[in-house]
Amino acid sequence: MLKKTAQLTGHNASIFALCKGADPNTFLSGAGDGWMVEWNVQEPDLGRLLAKTDTQIFSMILLPEQQKIIAGDMNGGVHWVDLRQPERTRDIAHHGKGVFGVLHTGDFVFTIGGDGILTKWSANEGRSLESLHLSNQSLRCIDYSKARNELAIGGSDNNIYLLNATTFEIRYTLLQAHDNSVFSVRYHPNAPGLLSGGRDAHLKLWDLDRLTSLLFNQPAHLFTINDICFPRDSAWFATASRDKTIKIWDSQSFQLLKVLDTIRSGCHVNSVNALLYLAESGTLVSCSDDRSIILWEVG
């Protein structure tokens, strides 16, 4: 089902962030070396350095129309990198601690930080519009549902918060959703469900019609589930873990379909930190503490 096609090197530290590029065949990576690099799956050996900072990059997105990268760093800084006019790049010390998630939807960008704060920014102006102190611990992951106009946010307090994306009203809090920090949340693209993964290594599916009901709960990995990648209209989704593996699951039955590990599949030799799917080329992208990126062809 999946075949390793390339392993990309060039970063000098752990790679924490992946996002789609301006072209369907391109993507960006952000790492502990502060570098933001563009890659093309058709020419995987030719990474292009777009920008760099003096601190570790934990999260990032690209606004393709504006040619801007928004990146969050380990110290709570939010970098608005202008690729057309680099001299207009702005580095804003906003969150008190690391920025673990950056999300773009419509006219807004959302950031979450280690200070427990959620902030809404104007995508066009790059200024903060509203902030909400959700938790006294770190906010670790964020996702958006257009159908529900809703944000799902997981925290180190073990909770998942569901908020109205417009008003910031808290619709519901899934208390103690995991036995430890919630590191990944992802709305099921074809059903009213929310997937979550935590430091407890459990993969869960929450029924959004009956929020106290679990549709699926399984110890899916040996260690922390760092990311969940769920392509729209796909028969599968993938999870990435600190146990050095990527697992592929059936999107309806939740049956485990395949395990990508170091020995049999040539997977990473350290924690797998993030996943990205590029539909145009049918490529699953993974990045790791081993300072490399792997491209997987999805059959």
C-alpha atoms as a PDB file:
ATOM      1  CA  MET A   1       0.000   0.000   0.000  1.00  0.00           C
ATOM      2  CA  LEU A   2       2.860   2.392   0.829  1.00  0.00           C
ATOM      3  CA  LYS A   3       6.348   2.373  -0.623  1.00  0.00           C
ATOM      4  CA  LYS A   4       9.303   4.496   0.436  1.00  0.00           C
ATOM      5  CA  THR A   5      10.540   6.508  -2.536  1.00  0.00           C
ATOM      6  CA  ALA A   6      13.018   8.994  -1.058  1.00  0.00           C
ATOM      7  CA  GLN A   7      14.673  10.107   2.171  1.00  0.00           C
ATOM      8  CA  LEU A   8      15.557  13.790   2.303  1.00  0.00           C
ATOM      9  CA  THR A   9      18.376  15.200   4.399  1.00  0.00           C
ATOM     10  CA  GLY A  10      19.695  18.699   4.908  1.00  0.00           C
ATOM     11  CA  HIS A  11      18.302  19.852   8.247  1.00  0.00           C
ATOM     12  CA  ASN A  12      20.784  19.894  11.119  1.00  0.00           C
ATOM     13  CA  ALA A  13      18.287  19.172  13.894  1.00  0.00           C
ATOM     14  CA  SER A  14      14.982  17.456  14.639  1.00  0.00           C
ATOM     15  CA  ILE A  15      12.219  18.298  12.160  1.00  0.00           C
ATOM     16  CA  PHE A  16       8.950  19.213  13.856  1.00  0.00           C
ATOM     17  CA  ALA A  17       6.739  20.878  11.229  1.00  0.00           C
ATOM     18  CA  LEU A  18       5.415  20.166   7.735  1.00  0.00           C
ATOM     19  CA  CYS A  19       2.978  22.181   5.616  1.00  0.00           C
ATOM     20  CA  LYS A  20       1.779  22.339   2.022  1.00  0.00           C
ATOM     21  CA  GLY A  21       3.652  24.555  -0.435  1.00  0.00           C
ATOM     22  CA  ALA A  22       2.378  26.936  -3.083  1.00  0.00           C
ATOM     23  CA  ASP A  23       2.470  24.204  -5.739  1.00  0.00           C
ATOM     24  CA  PRO A  24       0.622  20.859  -5.367  1.00  0.00           C
ATOM     25  CA  ASN A  25       3.944  18.998  -5.537  1.00  0.00           C
ATOM     26  CA  THR A  26       5.765  21.136  -2.980  1.00  0.00           C
ATOM     27  CA  PHE A  27       5.857  21.215   0.799  1.00  0.00           C
ATOM     28  CA  LEU A  28       7.745  23.066   3.524  1.00  0.00           C
ATOM     29  CA  SER A  29       9.570  21.814   6.590  1.00  0.00           C
ATOM     30  CA  GLY A  30      10.554  23.573   9.802  1.00  0.00           C
ATOM     31  CA  ALA A  31      13.112  22.264  12.261  1.00  0.00           C
ATOM     32  CA  GLY A  32      15.169  22.754  15.384  1.00  0.00           C
ATOM     33  CA  ASP A  33      17.883  24.442  13.318  1.00  0.00           C
ATOM     34  CA  GLY A  34      15.470  27.325  12.653  1.00  0.00           C
ATOM     35  CA  TRP A  35      15.413  26.618   8.917  1.00  0.00           C
ATOM     36  CA  MET A  36      12.296  26.762   6.748  1.00  0.00           C
ATOM     37  CA  VAL A  37      12.913  24.686   3.623  1.00  0.00           C
ATOM     38  CA  GLU A  38      10.864  24.114   0.461  1.00  0.00           C
ATOM     39  CA  TRP A  39      10.920  20.668  -1.181  1.00  0.00           C
ATOM     40  CA  ASN A  40       9.489  19.313  -4.439  1.00  0.00           C
ATOM     41  CA  VAL A  41       8.438  15.653  -4.524  1.00  0.00           C
ATOM     42  CA  GLN A  42       9.406  15.497  -8.201  1.00  0.00           C
ATOM     43  CA  GLU A  43      12.948  16.707  -7.430  1.00  0.00           C
ATOM     44  CA  PRO A  44      13.381  15.521  -3.853  1.00  0.00           C
ATOM     45  CA  ASP A  45      17.124  16.125  -3.619  1.00  0.00           C
ATOM     46  CA  LEU A  46      16.814  19.862  -4.218  1.00  0.00           C
ATOM     47  CA  GLY A  47      15.665  21.477  -0.974  1.00  0.00           C
ATOM     48  CA  ARG A  48      15.544  25.281  -1.048  1.00  0.00           C
ATOM     49  CA  LEU A  49      16.126  27.359   2.072  1.00  0.00           C
ATOM     50  CA  LEU A  50      13.389  30.010   2.244  1.00  0.00           C
ATOM     51  CA  ALA A  51      14.069  31.578   5.626  1.00  0.00           C
ATOM     52  CA  LYS A  52      15.748  30.936   8.952  1.00  0.00           C
ATOM     53  CA  THR A  53      15.482  32.024  12.565  1.00  0.00           C
ATOM     54  CA  ASP A  54      17.752  31.738  15.580  1.00  0.00           C
ATOM     55  CA  THR A  55      15.457  29.371  17.450  1.00  0.00           C
ATOM     56  CA  GLN A  56      13.664  26.069  16.964  1.00  0.00           C
ATOM     57  CA  ILE A  57      10.605  26.013  14.701  1.00  0.00           C
ATOM     58  CA  PHE A  58       7.749  23.964  16.175  1.00  0.00           C
ATOM     59  CA  SER A  59       4.893  24.762  13.763  1.00  0.00           C
ATOM     60  CA  MET A  60       4.290  26.503  10.437  1.00  0.00           C
ATOM     61  CA  ILE A  61       1.883  27.208   7.591  1.00  0.00           C
ATOM     62  CA  LEU A  62       2.159  28.953   4.221  1.00  0.00           C
ATOM     63  CA  LEU A  63      -0.253  31.598   2.956  1.00  0.00           C
ATOM     64  CA  PRO A  64       0.351  30.992  -0.788  1.00  0.00           C
ATOM     65  CA  GLU A  65      -1.498  34.039  -2.149  1.00  0.00           C
ATOM     66  CA  GLN A  66       0.401  36.404   0.113  1.00  0.00           C
ATOM     67  CA  GLN A  67       3.648  34.418  -0.107  1.00  0.00           C
ATOM     68  CA  LYS A  68       3.995  34.474   3.656  1.00  0.00           C
ATOM     69  CA  ILE A  69       5.090  31.812   6.117  1.00  0.00           C
ATOM     70  CA  ILE A  70       3.712  31.927   9.646  1.00  0.00           C
ATOM     71  CA  ALA A  71       5.966  29.930  11.956  1.00  0.00           C
ATOM     72  CA  GLY A  72       5.856  29.354  15.697  1.00  0.00           C
ATOM     73  CA  ASP A  73       9.037  28.868  17.702  1.00  0.00           C
ATOM     74  CA  MET A  74      10.033  27.206  20.984  1.00  0.00           C
ATOM     75  CA  ASN A  75      10.099  30.512  22.898  1.00  0.00           C
ATOM     76  CA  GLY A  76       6.554  31.565  21.981  1.00  0.00           C
ATOM     77  CA  GLY A  77       7.489  33.765  19.030  1.00  0.00           C
ATOM     78  CA  VAL A  78       5.297  34.012  15.935  1.00  0.00           C
ATOM     79  CA  HIS A  79       7.249  34.778  12.744  1.00  0.00           C
ATOM     80  CA  TRP A  80       5.463  36.396   9.792  1.00  0.00           C
ATOM     81  CA  VAL A  81       7.956  35.731   7.007  1.00  0.00           C
ATOM     82  CA  ASP A  82       7.378  37.772   3.846  1.00  0.00           C
ATOM     83  CA  LEU A  83       8.964  35.807   0.982  1.00  0.00           C
ATOM     84  CA  ARG A  84       8.470  38.627  -1.519  1.00  0.00           C
ATOM     85  CA  GLN A  85       9.890  41.357   0.701  1.00  0.00           C
ATOM     86  CA  PRO A  86      12.074  39.723   3.377  1.00  0.00           C
ATOM     87  CA  GLU A  87      12.789  43.081   4.959  1.00  0.00           C
ATOM     88  CA  ARG A  88       9.098  43.232   5.967  1.00  0.00           C
ATOM     89  CA  THR A  89       9.337  39.999   7.953  1.00  0.00           C
ATOM     90  CA  ARG A  90       8.032  40.430  11.507  1.00  0.00           C
ATOM     91  CA  ASP A  91       9.040  38.405  14.556  1.00  0.00           C
ATOM     92  CA  ILE A  92       6.419  38.836  17.289  1.00  0.00           C
ATOM     93  CA  ALA A  93       7.096  37.661  20.855  1.00  0.00           C
ATOM     94  CA  HIS A  94       3.517  36.670  21.629  1.00  0.00           C
ATOM     95  CA  HIS A  95       3.052  33.407  23.504  1.00  0.00           C
ATOM     96  CA  GLY A  96       4.866  32.945  26.784  1.00  0.00           C
ATOM     97  CA  LYS A  97       6.118  29.498  25.758  1.00  0.00           C
ATOM     98  CA  GLY A  98       6.430  27.368  22.610  1.00  0.00           C
ATOM     99  CA  VAL A  99       3.948  27.756  19.749  1.00  0.00           C
ATOM    100  CA  PHE A 100       2.851  24.164  19.132  1.00  0.00           C
ATOM    101  CA  GLY A 101       0.205  24.787  16.474  1.00  0.00           C
ATOM    102  CA  VAL A 102      -0.573  27.227  13.656  1.00  0.00           C
ATOM    103  CA  LEU A 103      -3.824  26.946  11.676  1.00  0.00           C
ATOM    104  CA  HIS A 104      -5.164  28.996   8.744  1.00  0.00           C
ATOM    105  CA  THR A 105      -8.819  29.227   7.792  1.00  0.00           C
ATOM    106  CA  GLY A 106     -10.465  31.993   5.758  1.00  0.00           C
ATOM    107  CA  ASP A 107      -9.292  35.440   6.824  1.00  0.00           C
ATOM    108  CA  PHE A 108      -7.772  34.214  10.069  1.00  0.00           C
ATOM    109  CA  VAL A 109      -4.755  32.448  11.495  1.00  0.00           C
ATOM    110  CA  PHE A 110      -4.920  30.706  14.867  1.00  0.00           C
ATOM    111  CA  THR A 111      -1.952  29.957  17.125  1.00  0.00           C
ATOM    112  CA  ILE A 112      -1.767  27.908  20.318  1.00  0.00           C
ATOM    113  CA  GLY A 113       1.009  28.133  22.879  1.00  0.00           C
ATOM    114  CA  GLY A 114       2.684  26.579  25.867  1.00  0.00           C
ATOM    115  CA  ASP A 115       1.139  29.384  27.908  1.00  0.00           C
ATOM    116  CA  GLY A 116      -2.315  27.818  27.430  1.00  0.00           C
ATOM    117  CA  ILE A 117      -3.486  30.682  25.200  1.00  0.00           C
ATOM    118  CA  LEU A 118      -5.370  30.502  21.885  1.00  0.00           C
ATOM    119  CA  THR A 119      -4.964  33.571  19.646  1.00  0.00           C
ATOM    120  CA  LYS A 120      -6.788  34.654  16.499  1.00  0.00           C
ATOM    121  CA  TRP A 121      -4.810  36.774  14.011  1.00  0.00           C
ATOM    122  CA  SER A 122      -5.740  38.724  10.906  1.00  0.00           C
ATOM    123  CA  ALA A 123      -4.197  36.781   8.030  1.00  0.00           C
ATOM    124  CA  ASN A 124      -3.917  39.927   5.907  1.00  0.00           C
ATOM    125  CA  GLU A 125      -2.564  42.307   8.538  1.00  0.00           C
ATOM    126  CA  GLY A 126      -0.589  39.911  10.723  1.00  0.00           C
ATOM    127  CA  ARG A 127      -1.931  41.385  13.945  1.00  0.00           C
ATOM    128  CA  SER A 128      -3.574  39.634  16.876  1.00  0.00           C
ATOM    129  CA  LEU A 129      -7.323  40.153  17.134  1.00  0.00           C
ATOM    130  CA  GLU A 130      -8.382  38.123  20.145  1.00  0.00           C
ATOM    131  CA  SER A 131      -6.887  35.762  22.713  1.00  0.00           C
ATOM    132  CA  LEU A 132      -8.404  33.255  25.115  1.00  0.00           C
ATOM    133  CA  HIS A 133      -6.645  31.692  28.089  1.00  0.00           C
ATOM    134  CA  LEU A 134      -7.954  28.133  27.829  1.00  0.00           C
ATOM    135  CA  SER A 135      -5.661  26.267  30.199  1.00  0.00           C
ATOM    136  CA  ASN A 136      -2.931  26.665  32.784  1.00  0.00           C
ATOM    137  CA  GLN A 137      -0.922  24.114  30.835  1.00  0.00           C
ATOM    138  CA  SER A 138       0.311  23.897  27.236  1.00  0.00           C
ATOM    139  CA  LEU A 139      -2.053  23.720  24.265  1.00  0.00           C
ATOM    140  CA  ARG A 140      -0.513  21.062  22.033  1.00  0.00           C
ATOM    141  CA  CYS A 141      -2.685  20.588  18.921  1.00  0.00           C
ATOM    142  CA  ILE A 142      -5.477  22.217  16.918  1.00  0.00           C
ATOM    143  CA  ASP A 143      -7.835  21.355  14.060  1.00  0.00           C
ATOM    144  CA  TYR A 144     -10.797  23.044  12.341  1.00  0.00           C
ATOM    145  CA  SER A 145     -14.134  21.731  11.063  1.00  0.00           C
ATOM    146  CA  LYS A 146     -15.725  23.921   8.410  1.00  0.00           C
ATOM    147  CA  ALA A 147     -19.036  22.061   8.640  1.00  0.00           C
ATOM    148  CA  ARG A 148     -19.260  22.762  12.381  1.00  0.00           C
ATOM    149  CA  ASN A 149     -17.376  26.105  12.309  1.00  0.00           C
ATOM    150  CA  GLU A 150     -15.488  24.638  15.206  1.00  0.00           C
ATOM    151  CA  LEU A 151     -11.985  24.425  16.615  1.00  0.00           C
ATOM    152  CA  ALA A 152     -10.782  21.353  18.461  1.00  0.00           C
ATOM    153  CA  ILE A 153      -7.813  21.945  20.766  1.00  0.00           C
ATOM    154  CA  GLY A 154      -5.922  19.375  22.832  1.00  0.00           C
ATOM    155  CA  GLY A 155      -3.879  20.258  25.872  1.00  0.00           C
ATOM    156  CA  SER A 156      -1.313  19.015  28.351  1.00  0.00           C
ATOM    157  CA  ASP A 157      -4.082  19.139  30.966  1.00  0.00           C
ATOM    158  CA  ASN A 158      -5.408  15.983  29.217  1.00  0.00           C
ATOM    159  CA  ASN A 159      -8.514  17.840  27.991  1.00  0.00           C
ATOM    160  CA  ILE A 160      -9.944  18.517  24.516  1.00  0.00           C
ATOM    161  CA  TYR A 161     -11.744  21.828  24.005  1.00  0.00           C
ATOM    162  CA  LEU A 162     -14.381  22.377  21.307  1.00  0.00           C
ATOM    163  CA  LEU A 163     -14.925  26.067  20.491  1.00  0.00           C
ATOM    164  CA  ASN A 164     -17.035  28.146  18.143  1.00  0.00           C
ATOM    165  CA  ALA A 165     -14.395  29.375  15.695  1.00  0.00           C
ATOM    166  CA  THR A 166     -16.059  32.792  15.328  1.00  0.00           C
ATOM    167  CA  THR A 167     -16.961  33.700  18.902  1.00  0.00           C
ATOM    168  CA  PHE A 168     -14.426  31.582  20.855  1.00  0.00           C
ATOM    169  CA  GLU A 169     -17.341  30.280  22.919  1.00  0.00           C
ATOM    170  CA  ILE A 170     -16.448  26.936  24.500  1.00  0.00           C
ATOM    171  CA  ARG A 171     -19.101  24.504  23.290  1.00  0.00           C
ATOM    172  CA  TYR A 172     -17.850  21.510  25.194  1.00  0.00           C
ATOM    173  CA  THR A 173     -14.839  20.266  27.117  1.00  0.00           C
ATOM    174  CA  LEU A 174     -13.879  16.601  26.960  1.00  0.00           C
ATOM    175  CA  LEU A 175     -12.377  16.359  30.434  1.00  0.00           C
ATOM    176  CA  GLN A 176      -9.528  13.896  30.885  1.00  0.00           C
ATOM    177  CA  ALA A 177      -9.896  12.799  27.257  1.00  0.00           C
ATOM    178  CA  HIS A 178      -6.561  10.989  27.618  1.00  0.00           C
ATOM    179  CA  ASP A 179      -4.534   9.759  30.579  1.00  0.00           C
ATOM    180  CA  ASN A 180      -1.787  12.197  29.630  1.00  0.00           C
ATOM    181  CA  SER A 181      -1.234  15.166  27.280  1.00  0.00           C
ATOM    182  CA  VAL A 182      -3.327  15.299  24.089  1.00  0.00           C
ATOM    183  CA  PHE A 183      -0.817  15.664  21.251  1.00  0.00           C
ATOM    184  CA  SER A 184      -3.040  15.308  18.170  1.00  0.00           C
ATOM    185  CA  VAL A 185      -6.658  16.000  17.178  1.00  0.00           C
ATOM    186  CA  ARG A 186      -8.214  15.544  13.730  1.00  0.00           C
ATOM    187  CA  TYR A 187     -11.827  15.820  12.573  1.00  0.00           C
ATOM    188  CA  HIS A 188     -13.010  12.782  10.623  1.00  0.00           C
ATOM    189  CA  PRO A 189     -13.602  14.297   7.148  1.00  0.00           C
ATOM    190  CA  ASN A 190     -16.541  12.042   6.282  1.00  0.00           C
ATOM    191  CA  ALA A 191     -18.340  11.514   9.587  1.00  0.00           C
ATOM    192  CA  PRO A 192     -19.318  13.441  12.748  1.00  0.00           C
ATOM    193  CA  GLY A 193     -16.318  12.230  14.702  1.00  0.00           C
ATOM    194  CA  LEU A 194     -13.109  13.578  16.218  1.00  0.00           C
ATOM    195  CA  LEU A 195      -9.899  11.556  16.357  1.00  0.00           C
ATOM    196  CA  SER A 196      -7.413  12.153  19.138  1.00  0.00           C
ATOM    197  CA  GLY A 197      -4.032  10.768  20.117  1.00  0.00           C
ATOM    198  CA  GLY A 198      -2.097  11.312  23.285  1.00  0.00           C
ATOM    199  CA  ARG A 199       1.031  10.746  25.268  1.00  0.00           C
ATOM    200  CA  ASP A 200      -0.789   7.688  26.630  1.00  0.00           C
ATOM    201  CA  ALA A 201      -0.367   6.167  23.109  1.00  0.00           C
ATOM    202  CA  HIS A 202      -4.131   5.674  22.766  1.00  0.00           C
ATOM    203  CA  LEU A 203      -6.047   6.466  19.571  1.00  0.00           C
ATOM    204  CA  LYS A 204      -9.645   7.507  20.185  1.00  0.00           C
ATOM    205  CA  LEU A 205     -12.665   8.461  18.078  1.00  0.00           C
ATOM    206  CA  TRP A 206     -15.218  10.700  19.773  1.00  0.00           C
ATOM    207  CA  ASP A 207     -18.872  10.808  18.697  1.00  0.00           C
ATOM    208  CA  LEU A 208     -19.596  14.502  18.060  1.00  0.00           C
ATOM    209  CA  ASP A 209     -23.342  13.872  18.198  1.00  0.00           C
ATOM    210  CA  ARG A 210     -23.019  12.387  21.699  1.00  0.00           C
ATOM    211  CA  LEU A 211     -19.896  13.956  23.059  1.00  0.00           C
ATOM    212  CA  THR A 212     -19.494  11.657  26.038  1.00  0.00           C
ATOM    213  CA  SER A 213     -19.521   8.606  23.764  1.00  0.00           C
ATOM    214  CA  LEU A 214     -16.398   6.922  22.419  1.00  0.00           C
ATOM    215  CA  LEU A 215     -16.711   5.124  19.083  1.00  0.00           C
ATOM    216  CA  PHE A 216     -13.178   3.726  19.198  1.00  0.00           C
ATOM    217  CA  ASN A 217     -10.433   3.475  21.808  1.00  0.00           C
ATOM    218  CA  GLN A 218      -7.251   1.472  21.368  1.00  0.00           C
ATOM    219  CA  PRO A 219      -3.630   1.523  22.554  1.00  0.00           C
ATOM    220  CA  ALA A 220      -2.372   2.177  19.034  1.00  0.00           C
ATOM    221  CA  HIS A 221       1.358   2.740  19.595  1.00  0.00           C
ATOM    222  CA  LEU A 222       4.029   2.034  22.200  1.00  0.00           C
ATOM    223  CA  PHE A 223       4.628   5.720  22.940  1.00  0.00           C
ATOM    224  CA  THR A 224       3.148   9.167  22.247  1.00  0.00           C
ATOM    225  CA  ILE A 225       1.006   9.661  19.141  1.00  0.00           C
ATOM    226  CA  ASN A 226       2.479  12.866  17.732  1.00  0.00           C
ATOM    227  CA  ASP A 227       0.253  13.377  14.687  1.00  0.00           C
ATOM    228  CA  ILE A 228      -2.779  12.092  12.790  1.00  0.00           C
ATOM    229  CA  CYS A 229      -3.047  12.577   9.019  1.00  0.00           C
ATOM    230  CA  PHE A 230      -6.510  12.005   7.536  1.00  0.00           C
ATOM    231  CA  PRO A 231      -6.807  12.788   3.808  1.00  0.00           C
ATOM    232  CA  ARG A 232     -10.295  13.837   2.718  1.00  0.00           C
ATOM    233  CA  ASP A 233     -12.339  11.147   0.924  1.00  0.00           C
ATOM    234  CA  SER A 234      -9.659   8.593   1.681  1.00  0.00           C
ATOM    235  CA  ALA A 235     -10.138   4.985   2.729  1.00  0.00           C
ATOM    236  CA  TRP A 236      -7.226   5.285   5.169  1.00  0.00           C
ATOM    237  CA  PHE A 237      -5.552   7.555   7.664  1.00  0.00           C
ATOM    238  CA  ALA A 238      -2.122   7.518   9.307  1.00  0.00           C
ATOM    239  CA  THR A 239      -0.695   8.008  12.788  1.00  0.00           C
ATOM    240  CA  ALA A 240       2.880   8.978  13.709  1.00  0.00           C
ATOM    241  CA  SER A 241       4.531   8.125  16.983  1.00  0.00           C
ATOM    242  CA  ARG A 242       7.550   8.552  19.208  1.00  0.00           C
ATOM    243  CA  ASP A 243       7.918   4.764  18.898  1.00  0.00           C
ATOM    244  CA  LYS A 244       9.523   5.424  15.437  1.00  0.00           C
ATOM    245  CA  THR A 245       6.598   3.969  13.467  1.00  0.00           C
ATOM    246  CA  ILE A 246       3.843   5.161  11.149  1.00  0.00           C
ATOM    247  CA  LYS A 247       0.634   3.143  11.215  1.00  0.00           C
ATOM    248  CA  ILE A 248      -2.011   3.050   8.492  1.00  0.00           C
ATOM    249  CA  TRP A 249      -5.654   2.511   9.491  1.00  0.00           C
ATOM    250  CA  ASP A 250      -8.909   1.835   7.658  1.00  0.00           C
ATOM    251  CA  SER A 251     -10.986   5.013   7.881  1.00  0.00           C
ATOM    252  CA  GLN A 252     -14.285   3.170   8.416  1.00  0.00           C
ATOM    253  CA  SER A 253     -13.509   0.010  10.382  1.00  0.00           C
ATOM    254  CA  PHE A 254     -10.381   1.402  12.120  1.00  0.00           C
ATOM    255  CA  GLN A 255      -8.647  -1.852  11.384  1.00  0.00           C
ATOM    256  CA  LEU A 256      -4.857  -1.608  11.334  1.00  0.00           C
ATOM    257  CA  LEU A 257      -3.730  -2.044   7.718  1.00  0.00           C
ATOM    258  CA  LYS A 258       0.027  -1.561   7.797  1.00  0.00           C
ATOM    259  CA  VAL A 259       2.941  -0.707  10.076  1.00  0.00           C
ATOM    260  CA  LEU A 260       5.885   1.249   8.665  1.00  0.00           C
ATOM    261  CA  ASP A 261       8.878   0.524  10.892  1.00  0.00           C
ATOM    262  CA  THR A 262      12.637   0.958  10.752  1.00  0.00           C
ATOM    263  CA  ILE A 263      13.716  -2.569   9.931  1.00  0.00           C
ATOM    264  CA  ARG A 264      11.064  -3.793   7.475  1.00  0.00           C
ATOM    265  CA  SER A 265      10.012  -0.536   5.815  1.00  0.00           C
ATOM    266  CA  GLY A 266      13.045   1.725   6.150  1.00  0.00           C
ATOM    267  CA  CYS A 267      11.111   4.110   8.375  1.00  0.00           C
ATOM    268  CA  HIS A 268      12.717   6.670  10.686  1.00  0.00           C
ATOM    269  CA  VAL A 269      15.198   5.705  13.388  1.00  0.00           C
ATOM    270  CA  ASN A 270      13.827   8.231  15.903  1.00  0.00           C
ATOM    271  CA  SER A 271      10.480   9.752  16.834  1.00  0.00           C
ATOM    272  CA  VAL A 272       8.151  10.492  13.885  1.00  0.00           C
ATOM    273  CA  ASN A 273       6.933  14.019  14.623  1.00  0.00           C
ATOM    274  CA  ALA A 274       4.573  15.053  11.814  1.00  0.00           C
ATOM    275  CA  LEU A 275       2.782  13.810   8.700  1.00  0.00           C
ATOM    276  CA  LEU A 276       1.486  15.522   5.552  1.00  0.00           C
ATOM    277  CA  TYR A 277      -0.430  14.141   2.570  1.00  0.00           C
ATOM    278  CA  LEU A 278      -0.028  15.603  -0.929  1.00  0.00           C
ATOM    279  CA  ALA A 279      -3.033  14.437  -2.927  1.00  0.00           C
ATOM    280  CA  GLU A 280      -1.778  15.507  -6.359  1.00  0.00           C
ATOM    281  CA  SER A 281       1.191  13.144  -6.259  1.00  0.00           C
ATOM    282  CA  GLY A 282      -0.277  10.588  -3.862  1.00  0.00           C
ATOM    283  CA  THR A 283       2.596  11.158  -1.440  1.00  0.00           C
ATOM    284  CA  LEU A 284       2.634  10.795   2.332  1.00  0.00           C
ATOM    285  CA  VAL A 285       5.413  12.889   3.898  1.00  0.00           C
ATOM    286  CA  SER A 286       6.895  12.171   7.324  1.00  0.00           C
ATOM    287  CA  CYS A 287       9.541  13.939   9.407  1.00  0.00           C
ATOM    288  CA  SER A 288      11.505  12.927  12.443  1.00  0.00           C
ATOM    289  CA  ASP A 289      13.971  13.585  15.233  1.00  0.00           C
ATOM    290  CA  ASP A 290      16.475  11.754  12.999  1.00  0.00           C
ATOM    291  CA  ARG A 291      16.714  15.020  10.960  1.00  0.00           C
ATOM    292  CA  SER A 292      15.261  13.455   7.825  1.00  0.00           C
ATOM    293  CA  ILE A 293      12.072  13.518   5.755  1.00  0.00           C
ATOM    294  CA  ILE A 294      10.708  10.403   4.070  1.00  0.00           C
ATOM    295  CA  LEU A 295       8.422  10.348   1.026  1.00  0.00           C
ATOM    296  CA  TRP A 296       5.973   7.428   0.821  1.00  0.00           C
ATOM    297  CA  GLU A 297       4.126   6.579  -2.376  1.00  0.00           C
ATOM    298  CA  VAL A 298       0.531   5.658  -1.601  1.00  0.00           C
ATOM    299  CA  GLY A 299      -0.680   2.811  -3.818  1.00  0.00           C
END
